[in-house]
Amino acid sequence: MEQTQDPRAVLDATIDAARLAEPVIQHDDGRKHAFIPEGYDLKDVSDPYLLPPHIKRHLIVDDRASLSAYANRFSDKRSLIVADYDNGKITAFLDWDSDNQNKLQPQPRDHSATLLLRDSEEYKRWSKMEGALHSQEDFAFFIEENVADVTYPDASTLLEICRELETTSGTVFKSGVRLDNGDRSFTYETETRVKGEMVVPTEITLAIPLYQGEEPTTISAKFRFRPRPDGLVLGFQWHRVEYQRQAKFTELATAAAEETGLPVFFGRS
């Protein structure tokens, strides 16, 4: 007679085979357990240095207020700020390594909030024109479109200069004289031999934000102009603006440190 197999024995054998095929169980929290042959006990084989469950999030914010508010919500004794000027980033690392008072215990460093600084729209517009010489027509149009950013000379004077630039387009400029106030006076001659004079300031002052979302900063630009046979070309160059941007960056990072009570380090992580 054929012997019938015990269903329970078949089930046990199937379970045993499954355990041997996949002896390690990986848990959601990172722990691991493994079945071993003696009775198939469950033994903890997790990494003894495995960090406990923690937040894994790297948030990008658009302004300093959001950075400080987020850091104040999640920061503790491990938290610190790293300000990276080269990359325009101010980052609050909320789970950095603990200090020597806590025996230098390693931390995940998986939770941070970063203020990614962006140039303001005003600064981008002016920077696009900066450093090059432009035709009278193009330069006059740009000044008229952005005269609200200029604090010196006053708007009416600058607009008047723009109109003069337009009316003298196509003339020949003969000479330039520096006036007592530092401006330049140009003598020009039209095709009909009519002579005239035009005064152009050697420096303008702007009040524009250096970074998006920040208050305006007063910055200076030097006029650059060059008479050519076919007319005058004009432009401007920033005057020590990079130093002001560095100072503004330091101000923002220091303000974030003061608002959060966190130490700030200038560099790269």
Protein backbone atom coordinates (compact mmCIF):
# COMPACT_ATOMS: atom_id res chain seq x y z
CA MET A 1 0.00 0.00 0.00
CA GLU A 2 1.15 3.49 -0.73
CA GLN A 3 2.04 5.48 2.34
CA THR A 4 0.31 8.88 2.61
CA GLN A 5 2.38 11.84 3.70
CA ASP A 6 1.48 13.74 6.80
CA PRO A 7 0.18 17.17 5.60
CA ARG A 8 1.75 18.81 8.64
CA ALA A 9 5.14 17.33 7.76
CA VAL A 10 4.81 18.62 4.20
CA LEU A 11 3.94 22.09 5.51
CA ASP A 12 6.88 22.06 7.93
CA ALA A 13 9.25 21.02 5.16
CA THR A 14 7.96 23.80 2.92
CA ILE A 15 8.44 26.39 5.66
CA ASP A 16 11.94 25.07 6.36
CA ALA A 17 12.83 25.33 2.69
CA ALA A 18 11.54 28.93 2.54
CA ARG A 19 13.56 29.88 5.61
CA LEU A 20 16.73 28.41 4.18
CA ALA A 21 16.16 30.12 0.82
CA GLU A 22 15.71 33.56 2.46
CA PRO A 23 17.41 33.29 5.84
CA VAL A 24 17.72 37.06 6.42
CA ILE A 25 14.74 39.25 7.20
CA GLN A 26 15.16 43.01 6.56
CA HIS A 27 12.93 45.24 8.70
CA ASP A 28 11.64 48.67 7.70
CA ASP A 29 13.62 50.36 10.48
CA GLY A 30 16.92 48.97 9.16
CA ARG A 31 17.29 46.01 11.57
CA LYS A 32 18.09 42.53 10.23
CA HIS A 33 17.32 39.07 11.63
CA ALA A 34 18.51 35.70 10.32
CA PHE A 35 17.32 32.11 10.78
CA ILE A 36 20.03 29.72 11.94
CA PRO A 37 19.89 25.91 11.73
CA GLU A 38 19.52 25.06 15.45
CA GLY A 39 15.79 25.01 15.62
CA TYR A 40 15.62 27.94 13.21
CA ASP A 41 15.75 30.53 15.96
CA LEU A 42 15.55 34.14 14.92
CA LYS A 43 18.83 35.90 15.65
CA ASP A 44 19.50 39.66 15.41
CA VAL A 45 22.31 40.25 12.89
CA SER A 46 21.82 44.01 12.52
CA ASP A 47 24.77 46.39 12.16
CA PRO A 48 25.65 47.33 15.76
CA TYR A 49 26.51 50.83 14.52
CA LEU A 50 23.24 51.31 12.66
CA LEU A 51 21.69 54.70 13.42
CA PRO A 52 18.16 54.73 14.80
CA PRO A 53 15.27 55.81 12.55
CA HIS A 54 15.67 59.50 11.58
CA ILE A 55 14.27 62.18 9.28
CA LYS A 56 15.66 62.13 5.75
CA ARG A 57 14.83 65.44 4.11
CA HIS A 58 16.75 68.21 2.35
CA LEU A 59 14.50 71.25 2.01
CA ILE A 60 15.21 74.24 -0.28
CA VAL A 61 13.74 77.55 0.92
CA ASP A 62 13.49 80.89 -0.89
CA ASP A 63 14.11 83.38 1.91
CA ARG A 64 15.94 83.74 5.21
CA ALA A 65 12.73 83.89 7.25
CA SER A 66 11.72 80.43 6.04
CA LEU A 67 15.20 79.06 6.78
CA SER A 68 15.11 80.38 10.34
CA ALA A 69 11.54 79.21 10.96
CA TYR A 70 12.28 75.68 9.74
CA ALA A 71 15.50 75.46 11.73
CA ASN A 72 13.77 76.68 14.88
CA ARG A 73 11.18 73.93 14.50
CA PHE A 74 13.63 71.01 14.17
CA SER A 75 17.00 72.09 15.58
CA ASP A 76 18.67 70.69 18.69
CA LYS A 77 22.16 70.64 20.20
CA ARG A 78 23.54 68.93 17.09
CA SER A 79 22.38 71.61 14.65
CA LEU A 80 24.60 74.20 12.96
CA ILE A 81 24.71 76.51 9.92
CA VAL A 82 27.22 76.35 7.06
CA ALA A 83 27.44 79.41 4.78
CA ASP A 84 28.95 78.72 1.36
CA TYR A 85 29.47 82.00 -0.51
CA ASP A 86 30.97 80.42 -3.64
CA ASN A 87 27.77 78.45 -4.24
CA GLY A 88 25.37 81.02 -2.79
CA LYS A 89 24.01 78.64 -0.14
CA ILE A 90 23.24 79.02 3.56
CA THR A 91 22.38 75.61 5.02
CA ALA A 92 21.04 74.64 8.42
CA PHE A 93 22.21 71.08 9.09
CA LEU A 94 19.81 69.87 11.75
CA ASP A 95 21.33 66.47 12.60
CA TRP A 96 25.05 67.14 12.36
CA ASP A 97 27.55 65.14 14.39
CA SER A 98 27.30 65.78 18.13
CA ASP A 99 30.02 67.76 19.88
CA ASN A 100 32.71 66.45 22.22
CA GLN A 101 30.43 66.94 25.21
CA ASN A 102 28.41 64.05 23.81
CA LYS A 103 31.45 61.83 23.10
CA LEU A 104 31.52 62.73 19.38
CA GLN A 105 28.67 60.39 18.50
CA PRO A 106 28.14 60.15 14.72
CA GLN A 107 24.82 61.45 13.41
CA PRO A 108 23.03 60.80 10.09
CA ARG A 109 23.34 64.31 8.59
CA ASP A 110 20.26 63.57 6.50
CA HIS A 111 18.07 66.50 7.57
CA SER A 112 18.79 70.02 6.37
CA ALA A 113 17.24 73.25 5.09
CA THR A 114 19.08 75.35 2.51
CA LEU A 115 18.56 78.95 1.48
CA LEU A 116 19.67 79.00 -2.15
CA LEU A 117 20.34 82.66 -2.84
CA ARG A 118 19.33 84.00 -6.24
CA ASP A 119 20.15 87.31 -7.86
CA SER A 120 17.28 89.78 -7.81
CA GLU A 121 15.54 90.63 -11.08
CA GLU A 122 16.90 94.18 -10.87
CA TYR A 123 20.47 93.02 -10.37
CA LYS A 124 20.19 90.55 -13.25
CA ARG A 125 18.93 93.28 -15.61
CA TRP A 126 21.74 95.68 -14.77
CA SER A 127 24.39 92.95 -14.79
CA LYS A 128 23.34 91.93 -18.28
CA MET A 129 24.25 95.43 -19.53
CA GLU A 130 27.33 95.86 -17.32
CA GLY A 131 30.86 95.70 -18.72
CA ALA A 132 30.03 96.35 -22.40
CA LEU A 133 29.65 99.47 -24.53
CA HIS A 134 26.29 99.99 -26.21
CA SER A 135 24.90 102.21 -28.90
CA GLN A 136 23.24 105.46 -27.89
CA GLU A 137 19.81 104.14 -28.80
CA ASP A 138 20.14 100.88 -26.85
CA PHE A 139 21.64 102.53 -23.81
CA ALA A 140 19.03 105.29 -23.73
CA PHE A 141 16.23 102.73 -24.00
CA PHE A 142 17.67 100.69 -21.14
CA ILE A 143 18.02 103.73 -18.86
CA GLU A 144 14.44 104.83 -19.59
CA GLU A 145 13.15 101.33 -18.77
CA ASN A 146 15.07 101.10 -15.48
CA VAL A 147 15.30 104.70 -14.29
CA ALA A 148 13.33 103.82 -11.12
CA ASP A 149 16.40 101.94 -9.84
CA VAL A 150 18.63 105.03 -10.08
CA THR A 151 19.09 107.37 -7.11
CA TYR A 152 21.82 109.58 -8.65
CA PRO A 153 21.54 111.53 -10.78
CA ASP A 154 17.84 112.15 -10.16
CA ALA A 155 15.29 110.65 -12.51
CA SER A 156 14.48 113.86 -14.39
CA THR A 157 18.17 114.56 -15.08
CA LEU A 158 18.82 111.03 -16.26
CA LEU A 159 15.76 111.04 -18.52
CA GLU A 160 16.89 114.34 -19.99
CA ILE A 161 20.28 112.80 -20.72
CA CYS A 162 18.51 109.92 -22.45
CA ARG A 163 16.59 112.33 -24.66
CA GLU A 164 19.82 114.16 -25.54
CA LEU A 165 21.43 110.85 -26.41
CA GLU A 166 18.56 110.10 -28.77
CA THR A 167 18.60 113.53 -30.46
CA THR A 168 22.38 113.49 -30.94
CA SER A 169 22.43 109.99 -32.43
CA GLY A 170 24.51 109.92 -35.61
CA THR A 171 26.59 112.99 -34.74
CA VAL A 172 30.37 113.24 -34.48
CA PHE A 173 31.84 113.87 -31.01
CA LYS A 174 34.93 116.04 -31.07
CA SER A 175 36.17 116.29 -27.48
CA GLY A 176 35.33 115.80 -23.83
CA VAL A 177 36.00 117.97 -20.77
CA ARG A 178 35.73 116.91 -17.13
CA LEU A 179 33.60 119.36 -15.12
CA ASP A 180 34.06 120.40 -11.48
CA ASN A 181 31.44 117.93 -10.27
CA GLY A 182 33.18 115.02 -12.04
CA ASP A 183 30.75 114.79 -14.99
CA ARG A 184 31.91 114.91 -18.61
CA SER A 185 30.90 117.54 -21.17
CA PHE A 186 31.09 116.45 -24.83
CA THR A 187 31.19 118.74 -27.86
CA TYR A 188 29.48 117.26 -30.89
CA GLU A 189 28.88 118.31 -34.49
CA THR A 190 25.99 117.25 -36.68
CA GLU A 191 26.13 116.55 -40.38
CA THR A 192 24.93 120.11 -41.01
CA ARG A 193 27.88 121.48 -38.98
CA VAL A 194 25.66 122.53 -36.07
CA LYS A 195 27.64 122.28 -32.85
CA GLY A 196 26.27 121.43 -29.43
CA GLU A 197 27.21 120.17 -26.00
CA MET A 198 26.07 117.18 -23.93
CA VAL A 199 26.87 116.46 -20.27
CA VAL A 200 27.06 112.84 -19.13
CA PRO A 201 27.68 111.85 -15.46
CA THR A 202 30.74 109.71 -14.77
CA GLU A 203 28.96 107.71 -12.06
CA ILE A 204 25.45 106.57 -11.27
CA THR A 205 24.08 105.22 -8.00
CA LEU A 206 21.48 102.47 -7.81
CA ALA A 207 19.24 101.21 -5.03
CA ILE A 208 18.42 97.59 -5.89
CA PRO A 209 18.30 94.28 -4.01
CA LEU A 210 21.42 92.18 -4.54
CA TYR A 211 19.51 88.97 -3.78
CA GLN A 212 15.91 88.04 -4.41
CA GLY A 213 13.60 88.86 -1.52
CA GLU A 214 16.03 91.20 0.22
CA GLU A 215 15.89 94.95 0.80
CA PRO A 216 17.55 97.31 -1.73
CA THR A 217 21.25 98.05 -1.33
CA THR A 218 22.94 101.23 -2.56
CA ILE A 219 25.60 100.39 -5.16
CA SER A 220 27.65 102.46 -7.59
CA ALA A 221 28.54 102.04 -11.24
CA LYS A 222 31.12 103.94 -13.28
CA PHE A 223 30.07 105.30 -16.67
CA ARG A 224 32.21 104.23 -19.58
CA PHE A 225 31.93 106.12 -22.87
CA ARG A 226 33.91 106.34 -26.05
CA PRO A 227 33.46 108.76 -28.96
CA ARG A 228 33.56 107.04 -32.34
CA PRO A 229 33.24 108.41 -35.86
CA ASP A 230 29.74 107.01 -36.10
CA GLY A 231 28.60 108.26 -32.69
CA LEU A 232 29.08 107.75 -28.97
CA VAL A 233 28.97 104.33 -27.32
CA LEU A 234 28.19 104.11 -23.62
CA GLY A 235 28.16 101.59 -20.82
CA PHE A 236 29.02 101.15 -17.18
CA GLN A 237 31.02 98.94 -14.85
CA TRP A 238 30.28 97.94 -11.29
CA HIS A 239 32.30 99.71 -8.63
CA ARG A 240 33.30 97.25 -5.84
CA VAL A 241 29.90 95.57 -6.02
CA GLU A 242 31.38 92.11 -5.38
CA TYR A 243 32.57 93.28 -1.98
CA GLN A 244 29.04 94.44 -1.20
CA ARG A 245 27.64 91.08 -2.27
CA GLN A 246 30.07 89.31 0.05
CA ALA A 247 29.12 91.64 2.89
CA LYS A 248 25.42 91.07 2.23
CA PHE A 249 25.94 87.30 2.20
CA THR A 250 27.75 87.50 5.55
CA GLU A 251 24.93 89.65 6.92
CA LEU A 252 22.30 87.10 5.87
CA ALA A 253 24.20 84.15 7.35
CA THR A 254 24.83 86.02 10.60
CA ALA A 255 21.18 87.05 10.83
CA ALA A 256 20.08 83.43 10.37
CA ALA A 257 22.46 82.37 13.16
CA GLU A 258 21.07 85.05 15.46
CA GLU A 259 17.45 84.13 14.67
CA THR A 260 18.05 80.44 15.34
CA GLY A 261 20.71 80.54 18.04
CA LEU A 262 22.85 78.16 15.96
CA PRO A 263 26.60 78.50 15.34
CA VAL A 264 27.56 79.52 11.81
CA PHE A 265 30.60 78.36 9.88
CA PHE A 266 31.71 79.96 6.61
CA GLY A 267 32.91 77.35 4.13
CA ARG A 268 31.76 74.19 2.39
CA SER A 269 30.50 70.95 3.89
